[in-house]
Amino acid sequence: MGSHGSGSPDSGLVEIAREFLVAYRRTREVAALHRAGELSFEDVRGWVGDDESSALYRLKELCHGQFRGDDLPDGRMERDALFDLTVGALFHEAMRFRENLYQREVYGPRVRKLQGRSQEEANLIREFEKIVAGAAVRLDEAMQETEALLEQTRLQFRSLLLAQPDHGLVTRFLIENAGYVVLVFEGGVDRILEDVHGDAATGYWVAARSYLDSGHFEEASRLLTEARRRGGERADWVRLGDYANAMEAYLRGDYRKAMDALAAWIAHDPAADESGYAALALDAVSHVGKLTEGEEGKEVAADAERIAEQLQTLTERFGTSAPVAG
């Protein structure tokens, strides 16, 4: 799965999303093996346990860390606490399943090898046999409850996404991991983007802006193209597509294309919330004269000087002097 750094406010939700998708898939796999009569104790080790090697353990611990602080906004507390409680219940029910599977797969064979030499030992062995025999029934019950809680967790996770539509990192993560998302949500990533953002195109736009803000221009350009393909040629999407193409071309060393695309972006009258992009572009353009050679290079350098003046005017208008990307 795609990864993200921990410096942004919503990176914690990205980590929870990652572990939820893993835990959901693993739970479905374990349930299918159990129903087919092919589940072994080894199969559950990476699914549920009491350390970081367990997907459900990691999810539970992340939720506890994210949702049990005292500084959460009042409007989020109840919803986030409910998700945390649901994940905790899912973990503990899965642990109950794990314990019963251990009794059947590991404890049971040991009990069957025992032969009591005294009446007291024979009575004790019979009690052990009752425990092992009941483990199969308890296994089915625990799995039924685990799957019911998994569905509730899925619904609560969806509610978390619906409540925080502006989280660009989370939207990026869902798009990057569309193959996992389709296992959880019917209709796949486009459907969940539609639910969260009103339409899938807007979801791709939100993700593209997140890429732009972190300086991932190629990815931003790709998702802006997807947004336009789904939602039409909206002016701001076209404009920022020009900007993303310009910066991506600059990084590739295609300074002619970069200048042309920057000129198109400027001509489309950038919005105030694009002020940081202007500052970053100005910093890049100021180096073009040193990076170009020959007659064509002179033309590009001349265009760069002209565009630098326009960018300087933009940054002064917006009152911006520092780039947004790190």
C-alpha atoms as a PDB file:
ATOM      1  CA  MET A   1       0.000   0.000   0.000  1.00  0.00           C
ATOM      2  CA  GLY A   2       1.057   3.575  -0.608  1.00  0.00           C
ATOM      3  CA  SER A   3       2.637   5.342   2.363  1.00  0.00           C
ATOM      4  CA  HIS A   4       2.560   8.882   3.684  1.00  0.00           C
ATOM      5  CA  GLY A   5       4.579  10.853   6.139  1.00  0.00           C
ATOM      6  CA  SER A   6       3.395  11.769   9.631  1.00  0.00           C
ATOM      7  CA  GLY A   7       3.788  15.536   9.389  1.00  0.00           C
ATOM      8  CA  SER A   8       0.265  16.451   8.249  1.00  0.00           C
ATOM      9  CA  PRO A   9      -2.808  16.777  10.489  1.00  0.00           C
ATOM     10  CA  ASP A  10      -4.664  13.944   8.785  1.00  0.00           C
ATOM     11  CA  SER A  11      -1.766  11.478   8.538  1.00  0.00           C
ATOM     12  CA  GLY A  12      -3.156   9.632  11.585  1.00  0.00           C
ATOM     13  CA  LEU A  13      -6.371   8.905   9.703  1.00  0.00           C
ATOM     14  CA  VAL A  14      -4.303   7.683   6.739  1.00  0.00           C
ATOM     15  CA  GLU A  15      -2.545   5.170   9.004  1.00  0.00           C
ATOM     16  CA  ILE A  16      -5.904   4.028  10.365  1.00  0.00           C
ATOM     17  CA  ALA A  17      -7.255   3.680   6.825  1.00  0.00           C
ATOM     18  CA  ARG A  18      -4.239   1.593   5.849  1.00  0.00           C
ATOM     19  CA  GLU A  19      -4.561  -0.787   8.785  1.00  0.00           C
ATOM     20  CA  PHE A  20      -8.330  -1.006   8.418  1.00  0.00           C
ATOM     21  CA  LEU A  21      -8.065  -2.107   4.781  1.00  0.00           C
ATOM     22  CA  VAL A  22      -5.475  -4.733   5.741  1.00  0.00           C
ATOM     23  CA  ALA A  23      -7.480  -5.940   8.742  1.00  0.00           C
ATOM     24  CA  TYR A  24     -10.696  -6.110   6.712  1.00  0.00           C
ATOM     25  CA  ARG A  25      -9.082  -8.218   4.006  1.00  0.00           C
ATOM     26  CA  ARG A  26      -7.395 -10.518   6.523  1.00  0.00           C
ATOM     27  CA  THR A  27     -10.629 -11.016   8.458  1.00  0.00           C
ATOM     28  CA  ARG A  28     -12.467 -12.015   5.278  1.00  0.00           C
ATOM     29  CA  GLU A  29      -9.679 -14.445   4.392  1.00  0.00           C
ATOM     30  CA  VAL A  30      -9.743 -16.060   7.853  1.00  0.00           C
ATOM     31  CA  ALA A  31     -13.549 -16.348   7.748  1.00  0.00           C
ATOM     32  CA  ALA A  32     -13.427 -18.010   4.322  1.00  0.00           C
ATOM     33  CA  LEU A  33     -10.779 -20.514   5.445  1.00  0.00           C
ATOM     34  CA  HIS A  34     -12.797 -21.286   8.577  1.00  0.00           C
ATOM     35  CA  ARG A  35     -15.970 -21.970   6.595  1.00  0.00           C
ATOM     36  CA  ALA A  36     -14.019 -24.187   4.207  1.00  0.00           C
ATOM     37  CA  GLY A  37     -12.573 -26.164   7.120  1.00  0.00           C
ATOM     38  CA  GLU A  38      -9.036 -25.228   6.039  1.00  0.00           C
ATOM     39  CA  LEU A  39      -8.040 -22.788   8.800  1.00  0.00           C
ATOM     40  CA  SER A  40      -4.944 -23.511  10.895  1.00  0.00           C
ATOM     41  CA  PHE A  41      -3.628 -21.639  13.897  1.00  0.00           C
ATOM     42  CA  GLU A  42      -0.731 -20.316  11.795  1.00  0.00           C
ATOM     43  CA  ASP A  43      -3.252 -18.536   9.552  1.00  0.00           C
ATOM     44  CA  VAL A  44      -4.437 -16.281  12.377  1.00  0.00           C
ATOM     45  CA  ARG A  45      -1.055 -15.123  13.686  1.00  0.00           C
ATOM     46  CA  GLY A  46      -0.828 -12.116  11.380  1.00  0.00           C
ATOM     47  CA  TRP A  47      -4.534 -11.391  11.766  1.00  0.00           C
ATOM     48  CA  VAL A  48      -5.057 -11.084  15.510  1.00  0.00           C
ATOM     49  CA  GLY A  49      -2.704 -11.299  18.457  1.00  0.00           C
ATOM     50  CA  ASP A  50      -1.221  -9.241  21.256  1.00  0.00           C
ATOM     51  CA  ASP A  51       1.665  -7.558  19.388  1.00  0.00           C
ATOM     52  CA  GLU A  52       2.467  -5.412  16.334  1.00  0.00           C
ATOM     53  CA  SER A  53       2.598  -8.412  13.996  1.00  0.00           C
ATOM     54  CA  SER A  54      -1.213  -8.549  14.200  1.00  0.00           C
ATOM     55  CA  ALA A  55      -3.259  -6.386  11.807  1.00  0.00           C
ATOM     56  CA  LEU A  56      -6.163  -6.004  14.240  1.00  0.00           C
ATOM     57  CA  TYR A  57      -3.819  -5.166  17.117  1.00  0.00           C
ATOM     58  CA  ARG A  58      -2.175  -2.401  15.080  1.00  0.00           C
ATOM     59  CA  LEU A  59      -5.578  -1.011  14.112  1.00  0.00           C
ATOM     60  CA  LYS A  60      -6.782  -1.068  17.722  1.00  0.00           C
ATOM     61  CA  GLU A  61      -3.680   0.698  19.018  1.00  0.00           C
ATOM     62  CA  LEU A  62      -3.813   3.359  16.292  1.00  0.00           C
ATOM     63  CA  CYS A  63      -7.457   4.086  17.111  1.00  0.00           C
ATOM     64  CA  HIS A  64      -6.720   4.337  20.815  1.00  0.00           C
ATOM     65  CA  GLY A  65      -3.925   6.809  20.108  1.00  0.00           C
ATOM     66  CA  GLN A  66      -5.948   8.865  17.625  1.00  0.00           C
ATOM     67  CA  PHE A  67      -9.359   8.967  19.265  1.00  0.00           C
ATOM     68  CA  ARG A  68      -8.791   8.915  23.022  1.00  0.00           C
ATOM     69  CA  GLY A  69      -7.238  12.356  23.443  1.00  0.00           C
ATOM     70  CA  ASP A  70      -8.889  15.172  25.375  1.00  0.00           C
ATOM     71  CA  ASP A  71      -8.352  17.745  22.623  1.00  0.00           C
ATOM     72  CA  LEU A  72     -10.791  16.391  20.029  1.00  0.00           C
ATOM     73  CA  PRO A  73     -13.523  18.787  18.834  1.00  0.00           C
ATOM     74  CA  ASP A  74     -16.852  18.099  20.528  1.00  0.00           C
ATOM     75  CA  GLY A  75     -18.557  17.286  17.229  1.00  0.00           C
ATOM     76  CA  ARG A  76     -16.070  14.509  16.510  1.00  0.00           C
ATOM     77  CA  MET A  77     -15.851  12.938  19.953  1.00  0.00           C
ATOM     78  CA  GLU A  78     -18.940  10.744  19.817  1.00  0.00           C
ATOM     79  CA  ARG A  79     -18.362   9.513  16.263  1.00  0.00           C
ATOM     80  CA  ASP A  80     -14.652   8.865  16.766  1.00  0.00           C
ATOM     81  CA  ALA A  81     -15.235   7.221  20.144  1.00  0.00           C
ATOM     82  CA  LEU A  82     -17.835   4.942  18.575  1.00  0.00           C
ATOM     83  CA  PHE A  83     -15.383   3.854  15.867  1.00  0.00           C
ATOM     84  CA  ASP A  84     -12.719   3.252  18.518  1.00  0.00           C
ATOM     85  CA  LEU A  85     -15.120   1.149  20.599  1.00  0.00           C
ATOM     86  CA  THR A  86     -16.235  -0.852  17.559  1.00  0.00           C
ATOM     87  CA  VAL A  87     -12.640  -1.613  16.580  1.00  0.00           C
ATOM     88  CA  GLY A  88     -11.901  -2.631  20.185  1.00  0.00           C
ATOM     89  CA  ALA A  89     -14.889  -4.978  20.246  1.00  0.00           C
ATOM     90  CA  LEU A  90     -13.827  -6.466  16.894  1.00  0.00           C
ATOM     91  CA  PHE A  91     -10.316  -7.085  18.221  1.00  0.00           C
ATOM     92  CA  HIS A  92     -11.517  -8.779  21.412  1.00  0.00           C
ATOM     93  CA  GLU A  93     -14.036 -10.969  19.594  1.00  0.00           C
ATOM     94  CA  ALA A  94     -11.321 -12.022  17.146  1.00  0.00           C
ATOM     95  CA  MET A  95      -9.070 -12.837  20.121  1.00  0.00           C
ATOM     96  CA  ARG A  96     -11.865 -15.041  21.495  1.00  0.00           C
ATOM     97  CA  PHE A  97     -11.948 -16.850  18.151  1.00  0.00           C
ATOM     98  CA  ARG A  98      -8.157 -17.197  18.268  1.00  0.00           C
ATOM     99  CA  GLU A  99      -8.258 -18.738  21.755  1.00  0.00           C
ATOM    100  CA  ASN A 100     -10.898 -21.277  20.769  1.00  0.00           C
ATOM    101  CA  LEU A 101      -8.932 -22.177  17.650  1.00  0.00           C
ATOM    102  CA  TYR A 102      -5.857 -22.712  19.815  1.00  0.00           C
ATOM    103  CA  GLN A 103      -7.834 -25.054  22.044  1.00  0.00           C
ATOM    104  CA  ARG A 104      -9.014 -27.046  19.042  1.00  0.00           C
ATOM    105  CA  GLU A 105      -5.816 -27.088  16.962  1.00  0.00           C
ATOM    106  CA  VAL A 106      -3.077 -27.129  19.610  1.00  0.00           C
ATOM    107  CA  TYR A 107      -4.572 -28.026  22.980  1.00  0.00           C
ATOM    108  CA  GLY A 108      -6.937 -30.705  21.628  1.00  0.00           C
ATOM    109  CA  PRO A 109      -4.278 -33.070  20.179  1.00  0.00           C
ATOM    110  CA  ARG A 110      -2.325 -32.894  23.437  1.00  0.00           C
ATOM    111  CA  VAL A 111      -5.408 -33.794  25.463  1.00  0.00           C
ATOM    112  CA  ARG A 112      -6.176 -36.751  23.191  1.00  0.00           C
ATOM    113  CA  LYS A 113      -2.730 -38.189  23.868  1.00  0.00           C
ATOM    114  CA  LEU A 114      -3.291 -38.235  27.618  1.00  0.00           C
ATOM    115  CA  GLN A 115      -4.262 -41.445  29.419  1.00  0.00           C
ATOM    116  CA  GLY A 116      -5.169 -41.077  33.060  1.00  0.00           C
ATOM    117  CA  ARG A 117      -3.635 -43.638  35.378  1.00  0.00           C
ATOM    118  CA  SER A 118      -5.954 -42.872  38.239  1.00  0.00           C
ATOM    119  CA  GLN A 119      -9.656 -42.112  38.462  1.00  0.00           C
ATOM    120  CA  GLU A 120      -8.831 -38.536  39.430  1.00  0.00           C
ATOM    121  CA  GLU A 121      -6.652 -38.095  36.347  1.00  0.00           C
ATOM    122  CA  ALA A 122      -9.291 -39.714  34.128  1.00  0.00           C
ATOM    123  CA  ASN A 123     -11.951 -37.316  35.437  1.00  0.00           C
ATOM    124  CA  LEU A 124      -9.690 -34.340  34.773  1.00  0.00           C
ATOM    125  CA  ILE A 125      -8.998 -35.515  31.232  1.00  0.00           C
ATOM    126  CA  ARG A 126     -12.733 -35.822  30.586  1.00  0.00           C
ATOM    127  CA  GLU A 127     -13.158 -32.192  31.656  1.00  0.00           C
ATOM    128  CA  PHE A 128     -10.403 -31.206  29.253  1.00  0.00           C
ATOM    129  CA  GLU A 129     -12.142 -33.140  26.488  1.00  0.00           C
ATOM    130  CA  LYS A 130     -15.381 -31.244  27.165  1.00  0.00           C
ATOM    131  CA  ILE A 131     -13.534 -27.955  26.823  1.00  0.00           C
ATOM    132  CA  VAL A 132     -11.986 -29.012  23.524  1.00  0.00           C
ATOM    133  CA  ALA A 133     -15.272 -30.380  22.205  1.00  0.00           C
ATOM    134  CA  GLY A 134     -17.026 -27.108  23.013  1.00  0.00           C
ATOM    135  CA  ALA A 135     -14.317 -25.114  21.250  1.00  0.00           C
ATOM    136  CA  ALA A 136     -15.752 -25.972  17.817  1.00  0.00           C
ATOM    137  CA  VAL A 137     -19.159 -24.559  18.773  1.00  0.00           C
ATOM    138  CA  ARG A 138     -17.589 -21.481  20.320  1.00  0.00           C
ATOM    139  CA  LEU A 139     -15.465 -21.016  17.188  1.00  0.00           C
ATOM    140  CA  ASP A 140     -18.535 -20.689  14.982  1.00  0.00           C
ATOM    141  CA  GLU A 141     -20.189 -18.299  17.430  1.00  0.00           C
ATOM    142  CA  ALA A 142     -17.071 -16.144  17.696  1.00  0.00           C
ATOM    143  CA  MET A 143     -16.657 -15.972  13.931  1.00  0.00           C
ATOM    144  CA  GLN A 144     -20.293 -14.976  13.422  1.00  0.00           C
ATOM    145  CA  GLU A 145     -19.882 -12.178  15.948  1.00  0.00           C
ATOM    146  CA  THR A 146     -16.533 -11.156  14.461  1.00  0.00           C
ATOM    147  CA  GLU A 147     -18.043 -10.819  10.989  1.00  0.00           C
ATOM    148  CA  ALA A 148     -20.977  -8.829  12.372  1.00  0.00           C
ATOM    149  CA  LEU A 149     -18.570  -6.463  14.128  1.00  0.00           C
ATOM    150  CA  LEU A 150     -16.448  -6.217  10.989  1.00  0.00           C
ATOM    151  CA  GLU A 151     -19.486  -4.956   9.077  1.00  0.00           C
ATOM    152  CA  GLN A 152     -20.215  -2.415  11.816  1.00  0.00           C
ATOM    153  CA  THR A 153     -16.580  -1.299  11.713  1.00  0.00           C
ATOM    154  CA  ARG A 154     -16.807  -0.893   7.935  1.00  0.00           C
ATOM    155  CA  LEU A 155     -19.878   1.328   8.317  1.00  0.00           C
ATOM    156  CA  GLN A 156     -18.211   3.384  11.054  1.00  0.00           C
ATOM    157  CA  PHE A 157     -15.088   3.792   8.909  1.00  0.00           C
ATOM    158  CA  ARG A 158     -17.271   5.085   6.082  1.00  0.00           C
ATOM    159  CA  SER A 159     -18.796   7.589   8.522  1.00  0.00           C
ATOM    160  CA  LEU A 160     -15.302   8.825   9.411  1.00  0.00           C
ATOM    161  CA  LEU A 161     -14.589   9.443   5.725  1.00  0.00           C
ATOM    162  CA  LEU A 162     -17.921  11.203   5.160  1.00  0.00           C
ATOM    163  CA  ALA A 163     -17.291  13.527   8.089  1.00  0.00           C
ATOM    164  CA  GLN A 164     -13.871  14.680   6.855  1.00  0.00           C
ATOM    165  CA  PRO A 165     -14.151  15.258   3.083  1.00  0.00           C
ATOM    166  CA  ASP A 166     -11.338  17.833   2.935  1.00  0.00           C
ATOM    167  CA  HIS A 167      -8.621  15.410   4.004  1.00  0.00           C
ATOM    168  CA  GLY A 168      -6.561  15.324   0.848  1.00  0.00           C
ATOM    169  CA  LEU A 169      -4.058  12.772   2.151  1.00  0.00           C
ATOM    170  CA  VAL A 170      -6.831  10.324   2.947  1.00  0.00           C
ATOM    171  CA  THR A 171      -8.405  10.809  -0.473  1.00  0.00           C
ATOM    172  CA  ARG A 172      -4.998  10.275  -2.085  1.00  0.00           C
ATOM    173  CA  PHE A 173      -4.546   7.082  -0.084  1.00  0.00           C
ATOM    174  CA  LEU A 174      -7.902   5.681  -1.171  1.00  0.00           C
ATOM    175  CA  ILE A 175      -7.139   6.361  -4.836  1.00  0.00           C
ATOM    176  CA  GLU A 176      -3.637   4.896  -4.547  1.00  0.00           C
ATOM    177  CA  ASN A 177      -5.080   1.734  -2.988  1.00  0.00           C
ATOM    178  CA  ALA A 178      -8.155   1.309  -5.173  1.00  0.00           C
ATOM    179  CA  GLY A 179      -7.535  -2.444  -5.385  1.00  0.00           C
ATOM    180  CA  TYR A 180      -8.005  -2.790  -1.632  1.00  0.00           C
ATOM    181  CA  VAL A 181     -10.883  -0.311  -1.451  1.00  0.00           C
ATOM    182  CA  VAL A 182     -12.998  -2.363  -3.881  1.00  0.00           C
ATOM    183  CA  LEU A 183     -12.813  -5.288  -1.419  1.00  0.00           C
ATOM    184  CA  VAL A 184     -14.439  -3.124   1.261  1.00  0.00           C
ATOM    185  CA  PHE A 185     -16.854  -0.824  -0.558  1.00  0.00           C
ATOM    186  CA  GLU A 186     -19.192  -1.924  -3.319  1.00  0.00           C
ATOM    187  CA  GLY A 187     -18.493   0.177  -6.383  1.00  0.00           C
ATOM    188  CA  GLY A 188     -14.866   0.652  -5.417  1.00  0.00           C
ATOM    189  CA  VAL A 189     -12.998   3.913  -5.026  1.00  0.00           C
ATOM    190  CA  ASP A 190     -15.208   5.953  -7.375  1.00  0.00           C
ATOM    191  CA  ARG A 191     -18.274   5.064  -5.315  1.00  0.00           C
ATOM    192  CA  ILE A 192     -16.720   6.009  -1.980  1.00  0.00           C
ATOM    193  CA  LEU A 193     -15.368   9.242  -3.518  1.00  0.00           C
ATOM    194  CA  GLU A 194     -18.880   9.986  -4.739  1.00  0.00           C
ATOM    195  CA  ASP A 195     -20.272   9.361  -1.245  1.00  0.00           C
ATOM    196  CA  VAL A 196     -17.630  11.523   0.451  1.00  0.00           C
ATOM    197  CA  HIS A 197     -17.249  14.371  -2.042  1.00  0.00           C
ATOM    198  CA  GLY A 198     -20.576  14.417  -3.881  1.00  0.00           C
ATOM    199  CA  ASP A 199     -19.040  13.063  -7.074  1.00  0.00           C
ATOM    200  CA  ALA A 200     -15.909  11.096  -7.924  1.00  0.00           C
ATOM    201  CA  ALA A 201     -14.432  13.921 -10.014  1.00  0.00           C
ATOM    202  CA  THR A 202     -14.296  16.222  -6.982  1.00  0.00           C
ATOM    203  CA  GLY A 203     -12.537  13.476  -5.040  1.00  0.00           C
ATOM    204  CA  TYR A 204      -9.822  13.291  -7.673  1.00  0.00           C
ATOM    205  CA  TRP A 205      -9.566  17.091  -7.531  1.00  0.00           C
ATOM    206  CA  VAL A 206      -9.107  17.093  -3.740  1.00  0.00           C
ATOM    207  CA  ALA A 207      -6.381  14.455  -4.058  1.00  0.00           C
ATOM    208  CA  ALA A 208      -4.694  16.415  -6.863  1.00  0.00           C
ATOM    209  CA  ARG A 209      -4.550  19.555  -4.718  1.00  0.00           C
ATOM    210  CA  SER A 210      -2.930  17.525  -1.959  1.00  0.00           C
ATOM    211  CA  TYR A 211      -0.303  16.303  -4.412  1.00  0.00           C
ATOM    212  CA  LEU A 212       0.317  19.869  -5.603  1.00  0.00           C
ATOM    213  CA  ASP A 213       0.730  21.137  -2.050  1.00  0.00           C
ATOM    214  CA  SER A 214       3.407  18.511  -1.381  1.00  0.00           C
ATOM    215  CA  GLY A 215       5.243  19.041  -4.656  1.00  0.00           C
ATOM    216  CA  HIS A 216       4.230  15.798  -6.396  1.00  0.00           C
ATOM    217  CA  PHE A 217       3.484  17.393  -9.750  1.00  0.00           C
ATOM    218  CA  GLU A 218       3.350  14.325 -11.985  1.00  0.00           C
ATOM    219  CA  GLU A 219       0.799  12.662  -9.703  1.00  0.00           C
ATOM    220  CA  ALA A 220      -1.177  15.908  -9.460  1.00  0.00           C
ATOM    221  CA  SER A 221      -1.302  16.195 -13.247  1.00  0.00           C
ATOM    222  CA  ARG A 222      -2.500  12.612 -13.572  1.00  0.00           C
ATOM    223  CA  LEU A 223      -5.333  13.082 -11.063  1.00  0.00           C
ATOM    224  CA  LEU A 224      -6.364  16.431 -12.519  1.00  0.00           C
ATOM    225  CA  THR A 225      -6.715  14.644 -15.856  1.00  0.00           C
ATOM    226  CA  GLU A 226      -8.903  12.035 -14.126  1.00  0.00           C
ATOM    227  CA  ALA A 227     -11.016  14.771 -12.518  1.00  0.00           C
ATOM    228  CA  ARG A 228     -11.566  16.438 -15.892  1.00  0.00           C
ATOM    229  CA  ARG A 229     -12.352  13.145 -17.578  1.00  0.00           C
ATOM    230  CA  ARG A 230     -15.085  12.479 -15.027  1.00  0.00           C
ATOM    231  CA  GLY A 231     -16.321  16.007 -14.328  1.00  0.00           C
ATOM    232  CA  GLY A 232     -15.617  18.139 -17.371  1.00  0.00           C
ATOM    233  CA  GLU A 233     -13.353  21.066 -18.151  1.00  0.00           C
ATOM    234  CA  ARG A 234     -13.843  23.159 -15.023  1.00  0.00           C
ATOM    235  CA  ALA A 235     -11.788  26.336 -15.205  1.00  0.00           C
ATOM    236  CA  ASP A 236      -9.841  25.787 -11.974  1.00  0.00           C
ATOM    237  CA  TRP A 237      -9.073  22.184 -12.908  1.00  0.00           C
ATOM    238  CA  VAL A 238      -7.771  23.216 -16.339  1.00  0.00           C
ATOM    239  CA  ARG A 239      -5.748  26.058 -14.818  1.00  0.00           C
ATOM    240  CA  LEU A 240      -4.030  23.941 -12.196  1.00  0.00           C
ATOM    241  CA  GLY A 241      -3.484  21.241 -14.789  1.00  0.00           C
ATOM    242  CA  ASP A 242      -1.342  23.803 -16.610  1.00  0.00           C
ATOM    243  CA  TYR A 243       0.559  24.561 -13.405  1.00  0.00           C
ATOM    244  CA  ALA A 244       1.173  20.892 -12.600  1.00  0.00           C
ATOM    245  CA  ASN A 245       2.354  20.238 -16.153  1.00  0.00           C
ATOM    246  CA  ALA A 246       4.671  23.244 -15.975  1.00  0.00           C
ATOM    247  CA  MET A 247       6.365  22.183 -12.754  1.00  0.00           C
ATOM    248  CA  GLU A 248       6.608  18.556 -13.835  1.00  0.00           C
ATOM    249  CA  ALA A 249       8.248  19.667 -17.116  1.00  0.00           C
ATOM    250  CA  TYR A 250      10.651  21.921 -15.207  1.00  0.00           C
ATOM    251  CA  LEU A 251      11.770  19.028 -13.019  1.00  0.00           C
ATOM    252  CA  ARG A 252      12.332  16.923 -16.160  1.00  0.00           C
ATOM    253  CA  GLY A 253      14.455  19.677 -17.686  1.00  0.00           C
ATOM    254  CA  ASP A 254      11.939  20.479 -20.443  1.00  0.00           C
ATOM    255  CA  TYR A 255      12.144  24.225 -19.907  1.00  0.00           C
ATOM    256  CA  ARG A 256      10.349  25.146 -23.154  1.00  0.00           C
ATOM    257  CA  LYS A 257       7.271  23.191 -22.138  1.00  0.00           C
ATOM    258  CA  ALA A 258       7.531  24.495 -18.583  1.00  0.00           C
ATOM    259  CA  MET A 259       7.504  28.126 -19.708  1.00  0.00           C
ATOM    260  CA  ASP A 260       4.601  27.567 -22.094  1.00  0.00           C
ATOM    261  CA  ALA A 261       2.521  25.835 -19.430  1.00  0.00           C
ATOM    262  CA  LEU A 262       3.327  28.495 -16.803  1.00  0.00           C
ATOM    263  CA  ALA A 263       2.279  31.186 -19.259  1.00  0.00           C
ATOM    264  CA  ALA A 264      -1.032  29.367 -19.748  1.00  0.00           C
ATOM    265  CA  TRP A 265      -1.521  29.117 -15.972  1.00  0.00           C
ATOM    266  CA  ILE A 266      -0.878  32.839 -15.495  1.00  0.00           C
ATOM    267  CA  ALA A 267      -3.190  33.700 -18.398  1.00  0.00           C
ATOM    268  CA  HIS A 268      -5.998  31.843 -16.633  1.00  0.00           C
ATOM    269  CA  ASP A 269      -5.737  34.264 -13.656  1.00  0.00           C
ATOM    270  CA  PRO A 270      -4.631  32.131 -10.665  1.00  0.00           C
ATOM    271  CA  ALA A 271      -6.787  32.289  -7.537  1.00  0.00           C
ATOM    272  CA  ALA A 272      -5.576  33.657  -4.206  1.00  0.00           C
ATOM    273  CA  ASP A 273      -5.237  30.179  -2.724  1.00  0.00           C
ATOM    274  CA  GLU A 274      -2.643  29.443  -5.435  1.00  0.00           C
ATOM    275  CA  SER A 275      -0.294  32.137  -4.129  1.00  0.00           C
ATOM    276  CA  GLY A 276       2.192  29.622  -2.803  1.00  0.00           C
ATOM    277  CA  TYR A 277       2.346  28.009  -6.234  1.00  0.00           C
ATOM    278  CA  ALA A 278       3.317  31.363  -7.741  1.00  0.00           C
ATOM    279  CA  ALA A 279       6.152  31.764  -5.235  1.00  0.00           C
ATOM    280  CA  LEU A 280       7.422  28.248  -5.949  1.00  0.00           C
ATOM    281  CA  ALA A 281       7.237  28.822  -9.713  1.00  0.00           C
ATOM    282  CA  LEU A 282       9.110  32.126  -9.358  1.00  0.00           C
ATOM    283  CA  ASP A 283      11.909  30.384  -7.506  1.00  0.00           C
ATOM    284  CA  ALA A 284      12.131  27.765 -10.276  1.00  0.00           C
ATOM    285  CA  VAL A 285      11.950  30.221 -13.188  1.00  0.00           C
ATOM    286  CA  SER A 286      14.722  32.363 -11.730  1.00  0.00           C
ATOM    287  CA  HIS A 287      17.172  29.517 -12.457  1.00  0.00           C
ATOM    288  CA  VAL A 288      16.158  28.847 -16.066  1.00  0.00           C
ATOM    289  CA  GLY A 289      18.668  31.270 -17.609  1.00  0.00           C
ATOM    290  CA  LYS A 290      21.548  29.326 -16.064  1.00  0.00           C
ATOM    291  CA  LEU A 291      20.128  25.974 -17.175  1.00  0.00           C
ATOM    292  CA  THR A 292      19.583  26.646 -20.893  1.00  0.00           C
ATOM    293  CA  GLU A 293      22.075  26.734 -23.777  1.00  0.00           C
ATOM    294  CA  GLY A 294      22.207  27.683 -27.484  1.00  0.00           C
ATOM    295  CA  GLU A 295      19.865  29.833 -29.513  1.00  0.00           C
ATOM    296  CA  GLU A 296      16.767  27.992 -28.344  1.00  0.00           C
ATOM    297  CA  GLY A 297      18.013  28.343 -24.805  1.00  0.00           C
ATOM    298  CA  LYS A 298      18.252  32.104 -25.228  1.00  0.00           C
ATOM    299  CA  GLU A 299      14.626  32.244 -26.343  1.00  0.00           C
ATOM    300  CA  VAL A 300      13.536  30.137 -23.378  1.00  0.00           C
ATOM    301  CA  ALA A 301      15.606  32.305 -21.023  1.00  0.00           C
ATOM    302  CA  ALA A 302      13.980  35.444 -22.440  1.00  0.00           C
ATOM    303  CA  ASP A 303      10.539  33.933 -21.918  1.00  0.00           C
ATOM    304  CA  ALA A 304      11.582  32.963 -18.393  1.00  0.00           C
ATOM    305  CA  GLU A 305      12.503  36.567 -17.598  1.00  0.00           C
ATOM    306  CA  ARG A 306       9.127  37.769 -18.831  1.00  0.00           C
ATOM    307  CA  ILE A 307       7.278  35.079 -16.868  1.00  0.00           C
ATOM    308  CA  ALA A 308       9.360  35.834 -13.769  1.00  0.00           C
ATOM    309  CA  GLU A 309       8.118  39.431 -13.886  1.00  0.00           C
ATOM    310  CA  GLN A 310       4.529  38.233 -14.120  1.00  0.00           C
ATOM    311  CA  LEU A 311       5.071  35.809 -11.238  1.00  0.00           C
ATOM    312  CA  GLN A 312       6.645  38.555  -9.160  1.00  0.00           C
ATOM    313  CA  THR A 313       3.545  40.683  -9.746  1.00  0.00           C
ATOM    314  CA  LEU A 314       1.367  37.747  -8.666  1.00  0.00           C
ATOM    315  CA  THR A 315       3.305  37.133  -5.462  1.00  0.00           C
ATOM    316  CA  GLU A 316       3.167  40.837  -4.588  1.00  0.00           C
ATOM    317  CA  ARG A 317      -0.558  40.873  -5.242  1.00  0.00           C
ATOM    318  CA  PHE A 318      -1.079  37.823  -3.080  1.00  0.00           C
ATOM    319  CA  GLY A 319       1.436  38.903  -0.454  1.00  0.00           C
ATOM    320  CA  THR A 320       3.301  35.606  -0.699  1.00  0.00           C
ATOM    321  CA  SER A 321       7.052  35.157  -0.544  1.00  0.00           C
ATOM    322  CA  ALA A 322       7.572  31.493   0.306  1.00  0.00           C
ATOM    323  CA  PRO A 323       6.741  28.297  -1.588  1.00  0.00           C
ATOM    324  CA  VAL A 324       4.226  25.803  -0.210  1.00  0.00           C
ATOM    325  CA  ALA A 325       6.022  22.616  -1.183  1.00  0.00           C
ATOM    326  CA  GLY A 326       8.702  21.009   0.885  1.00  0.00           C
END
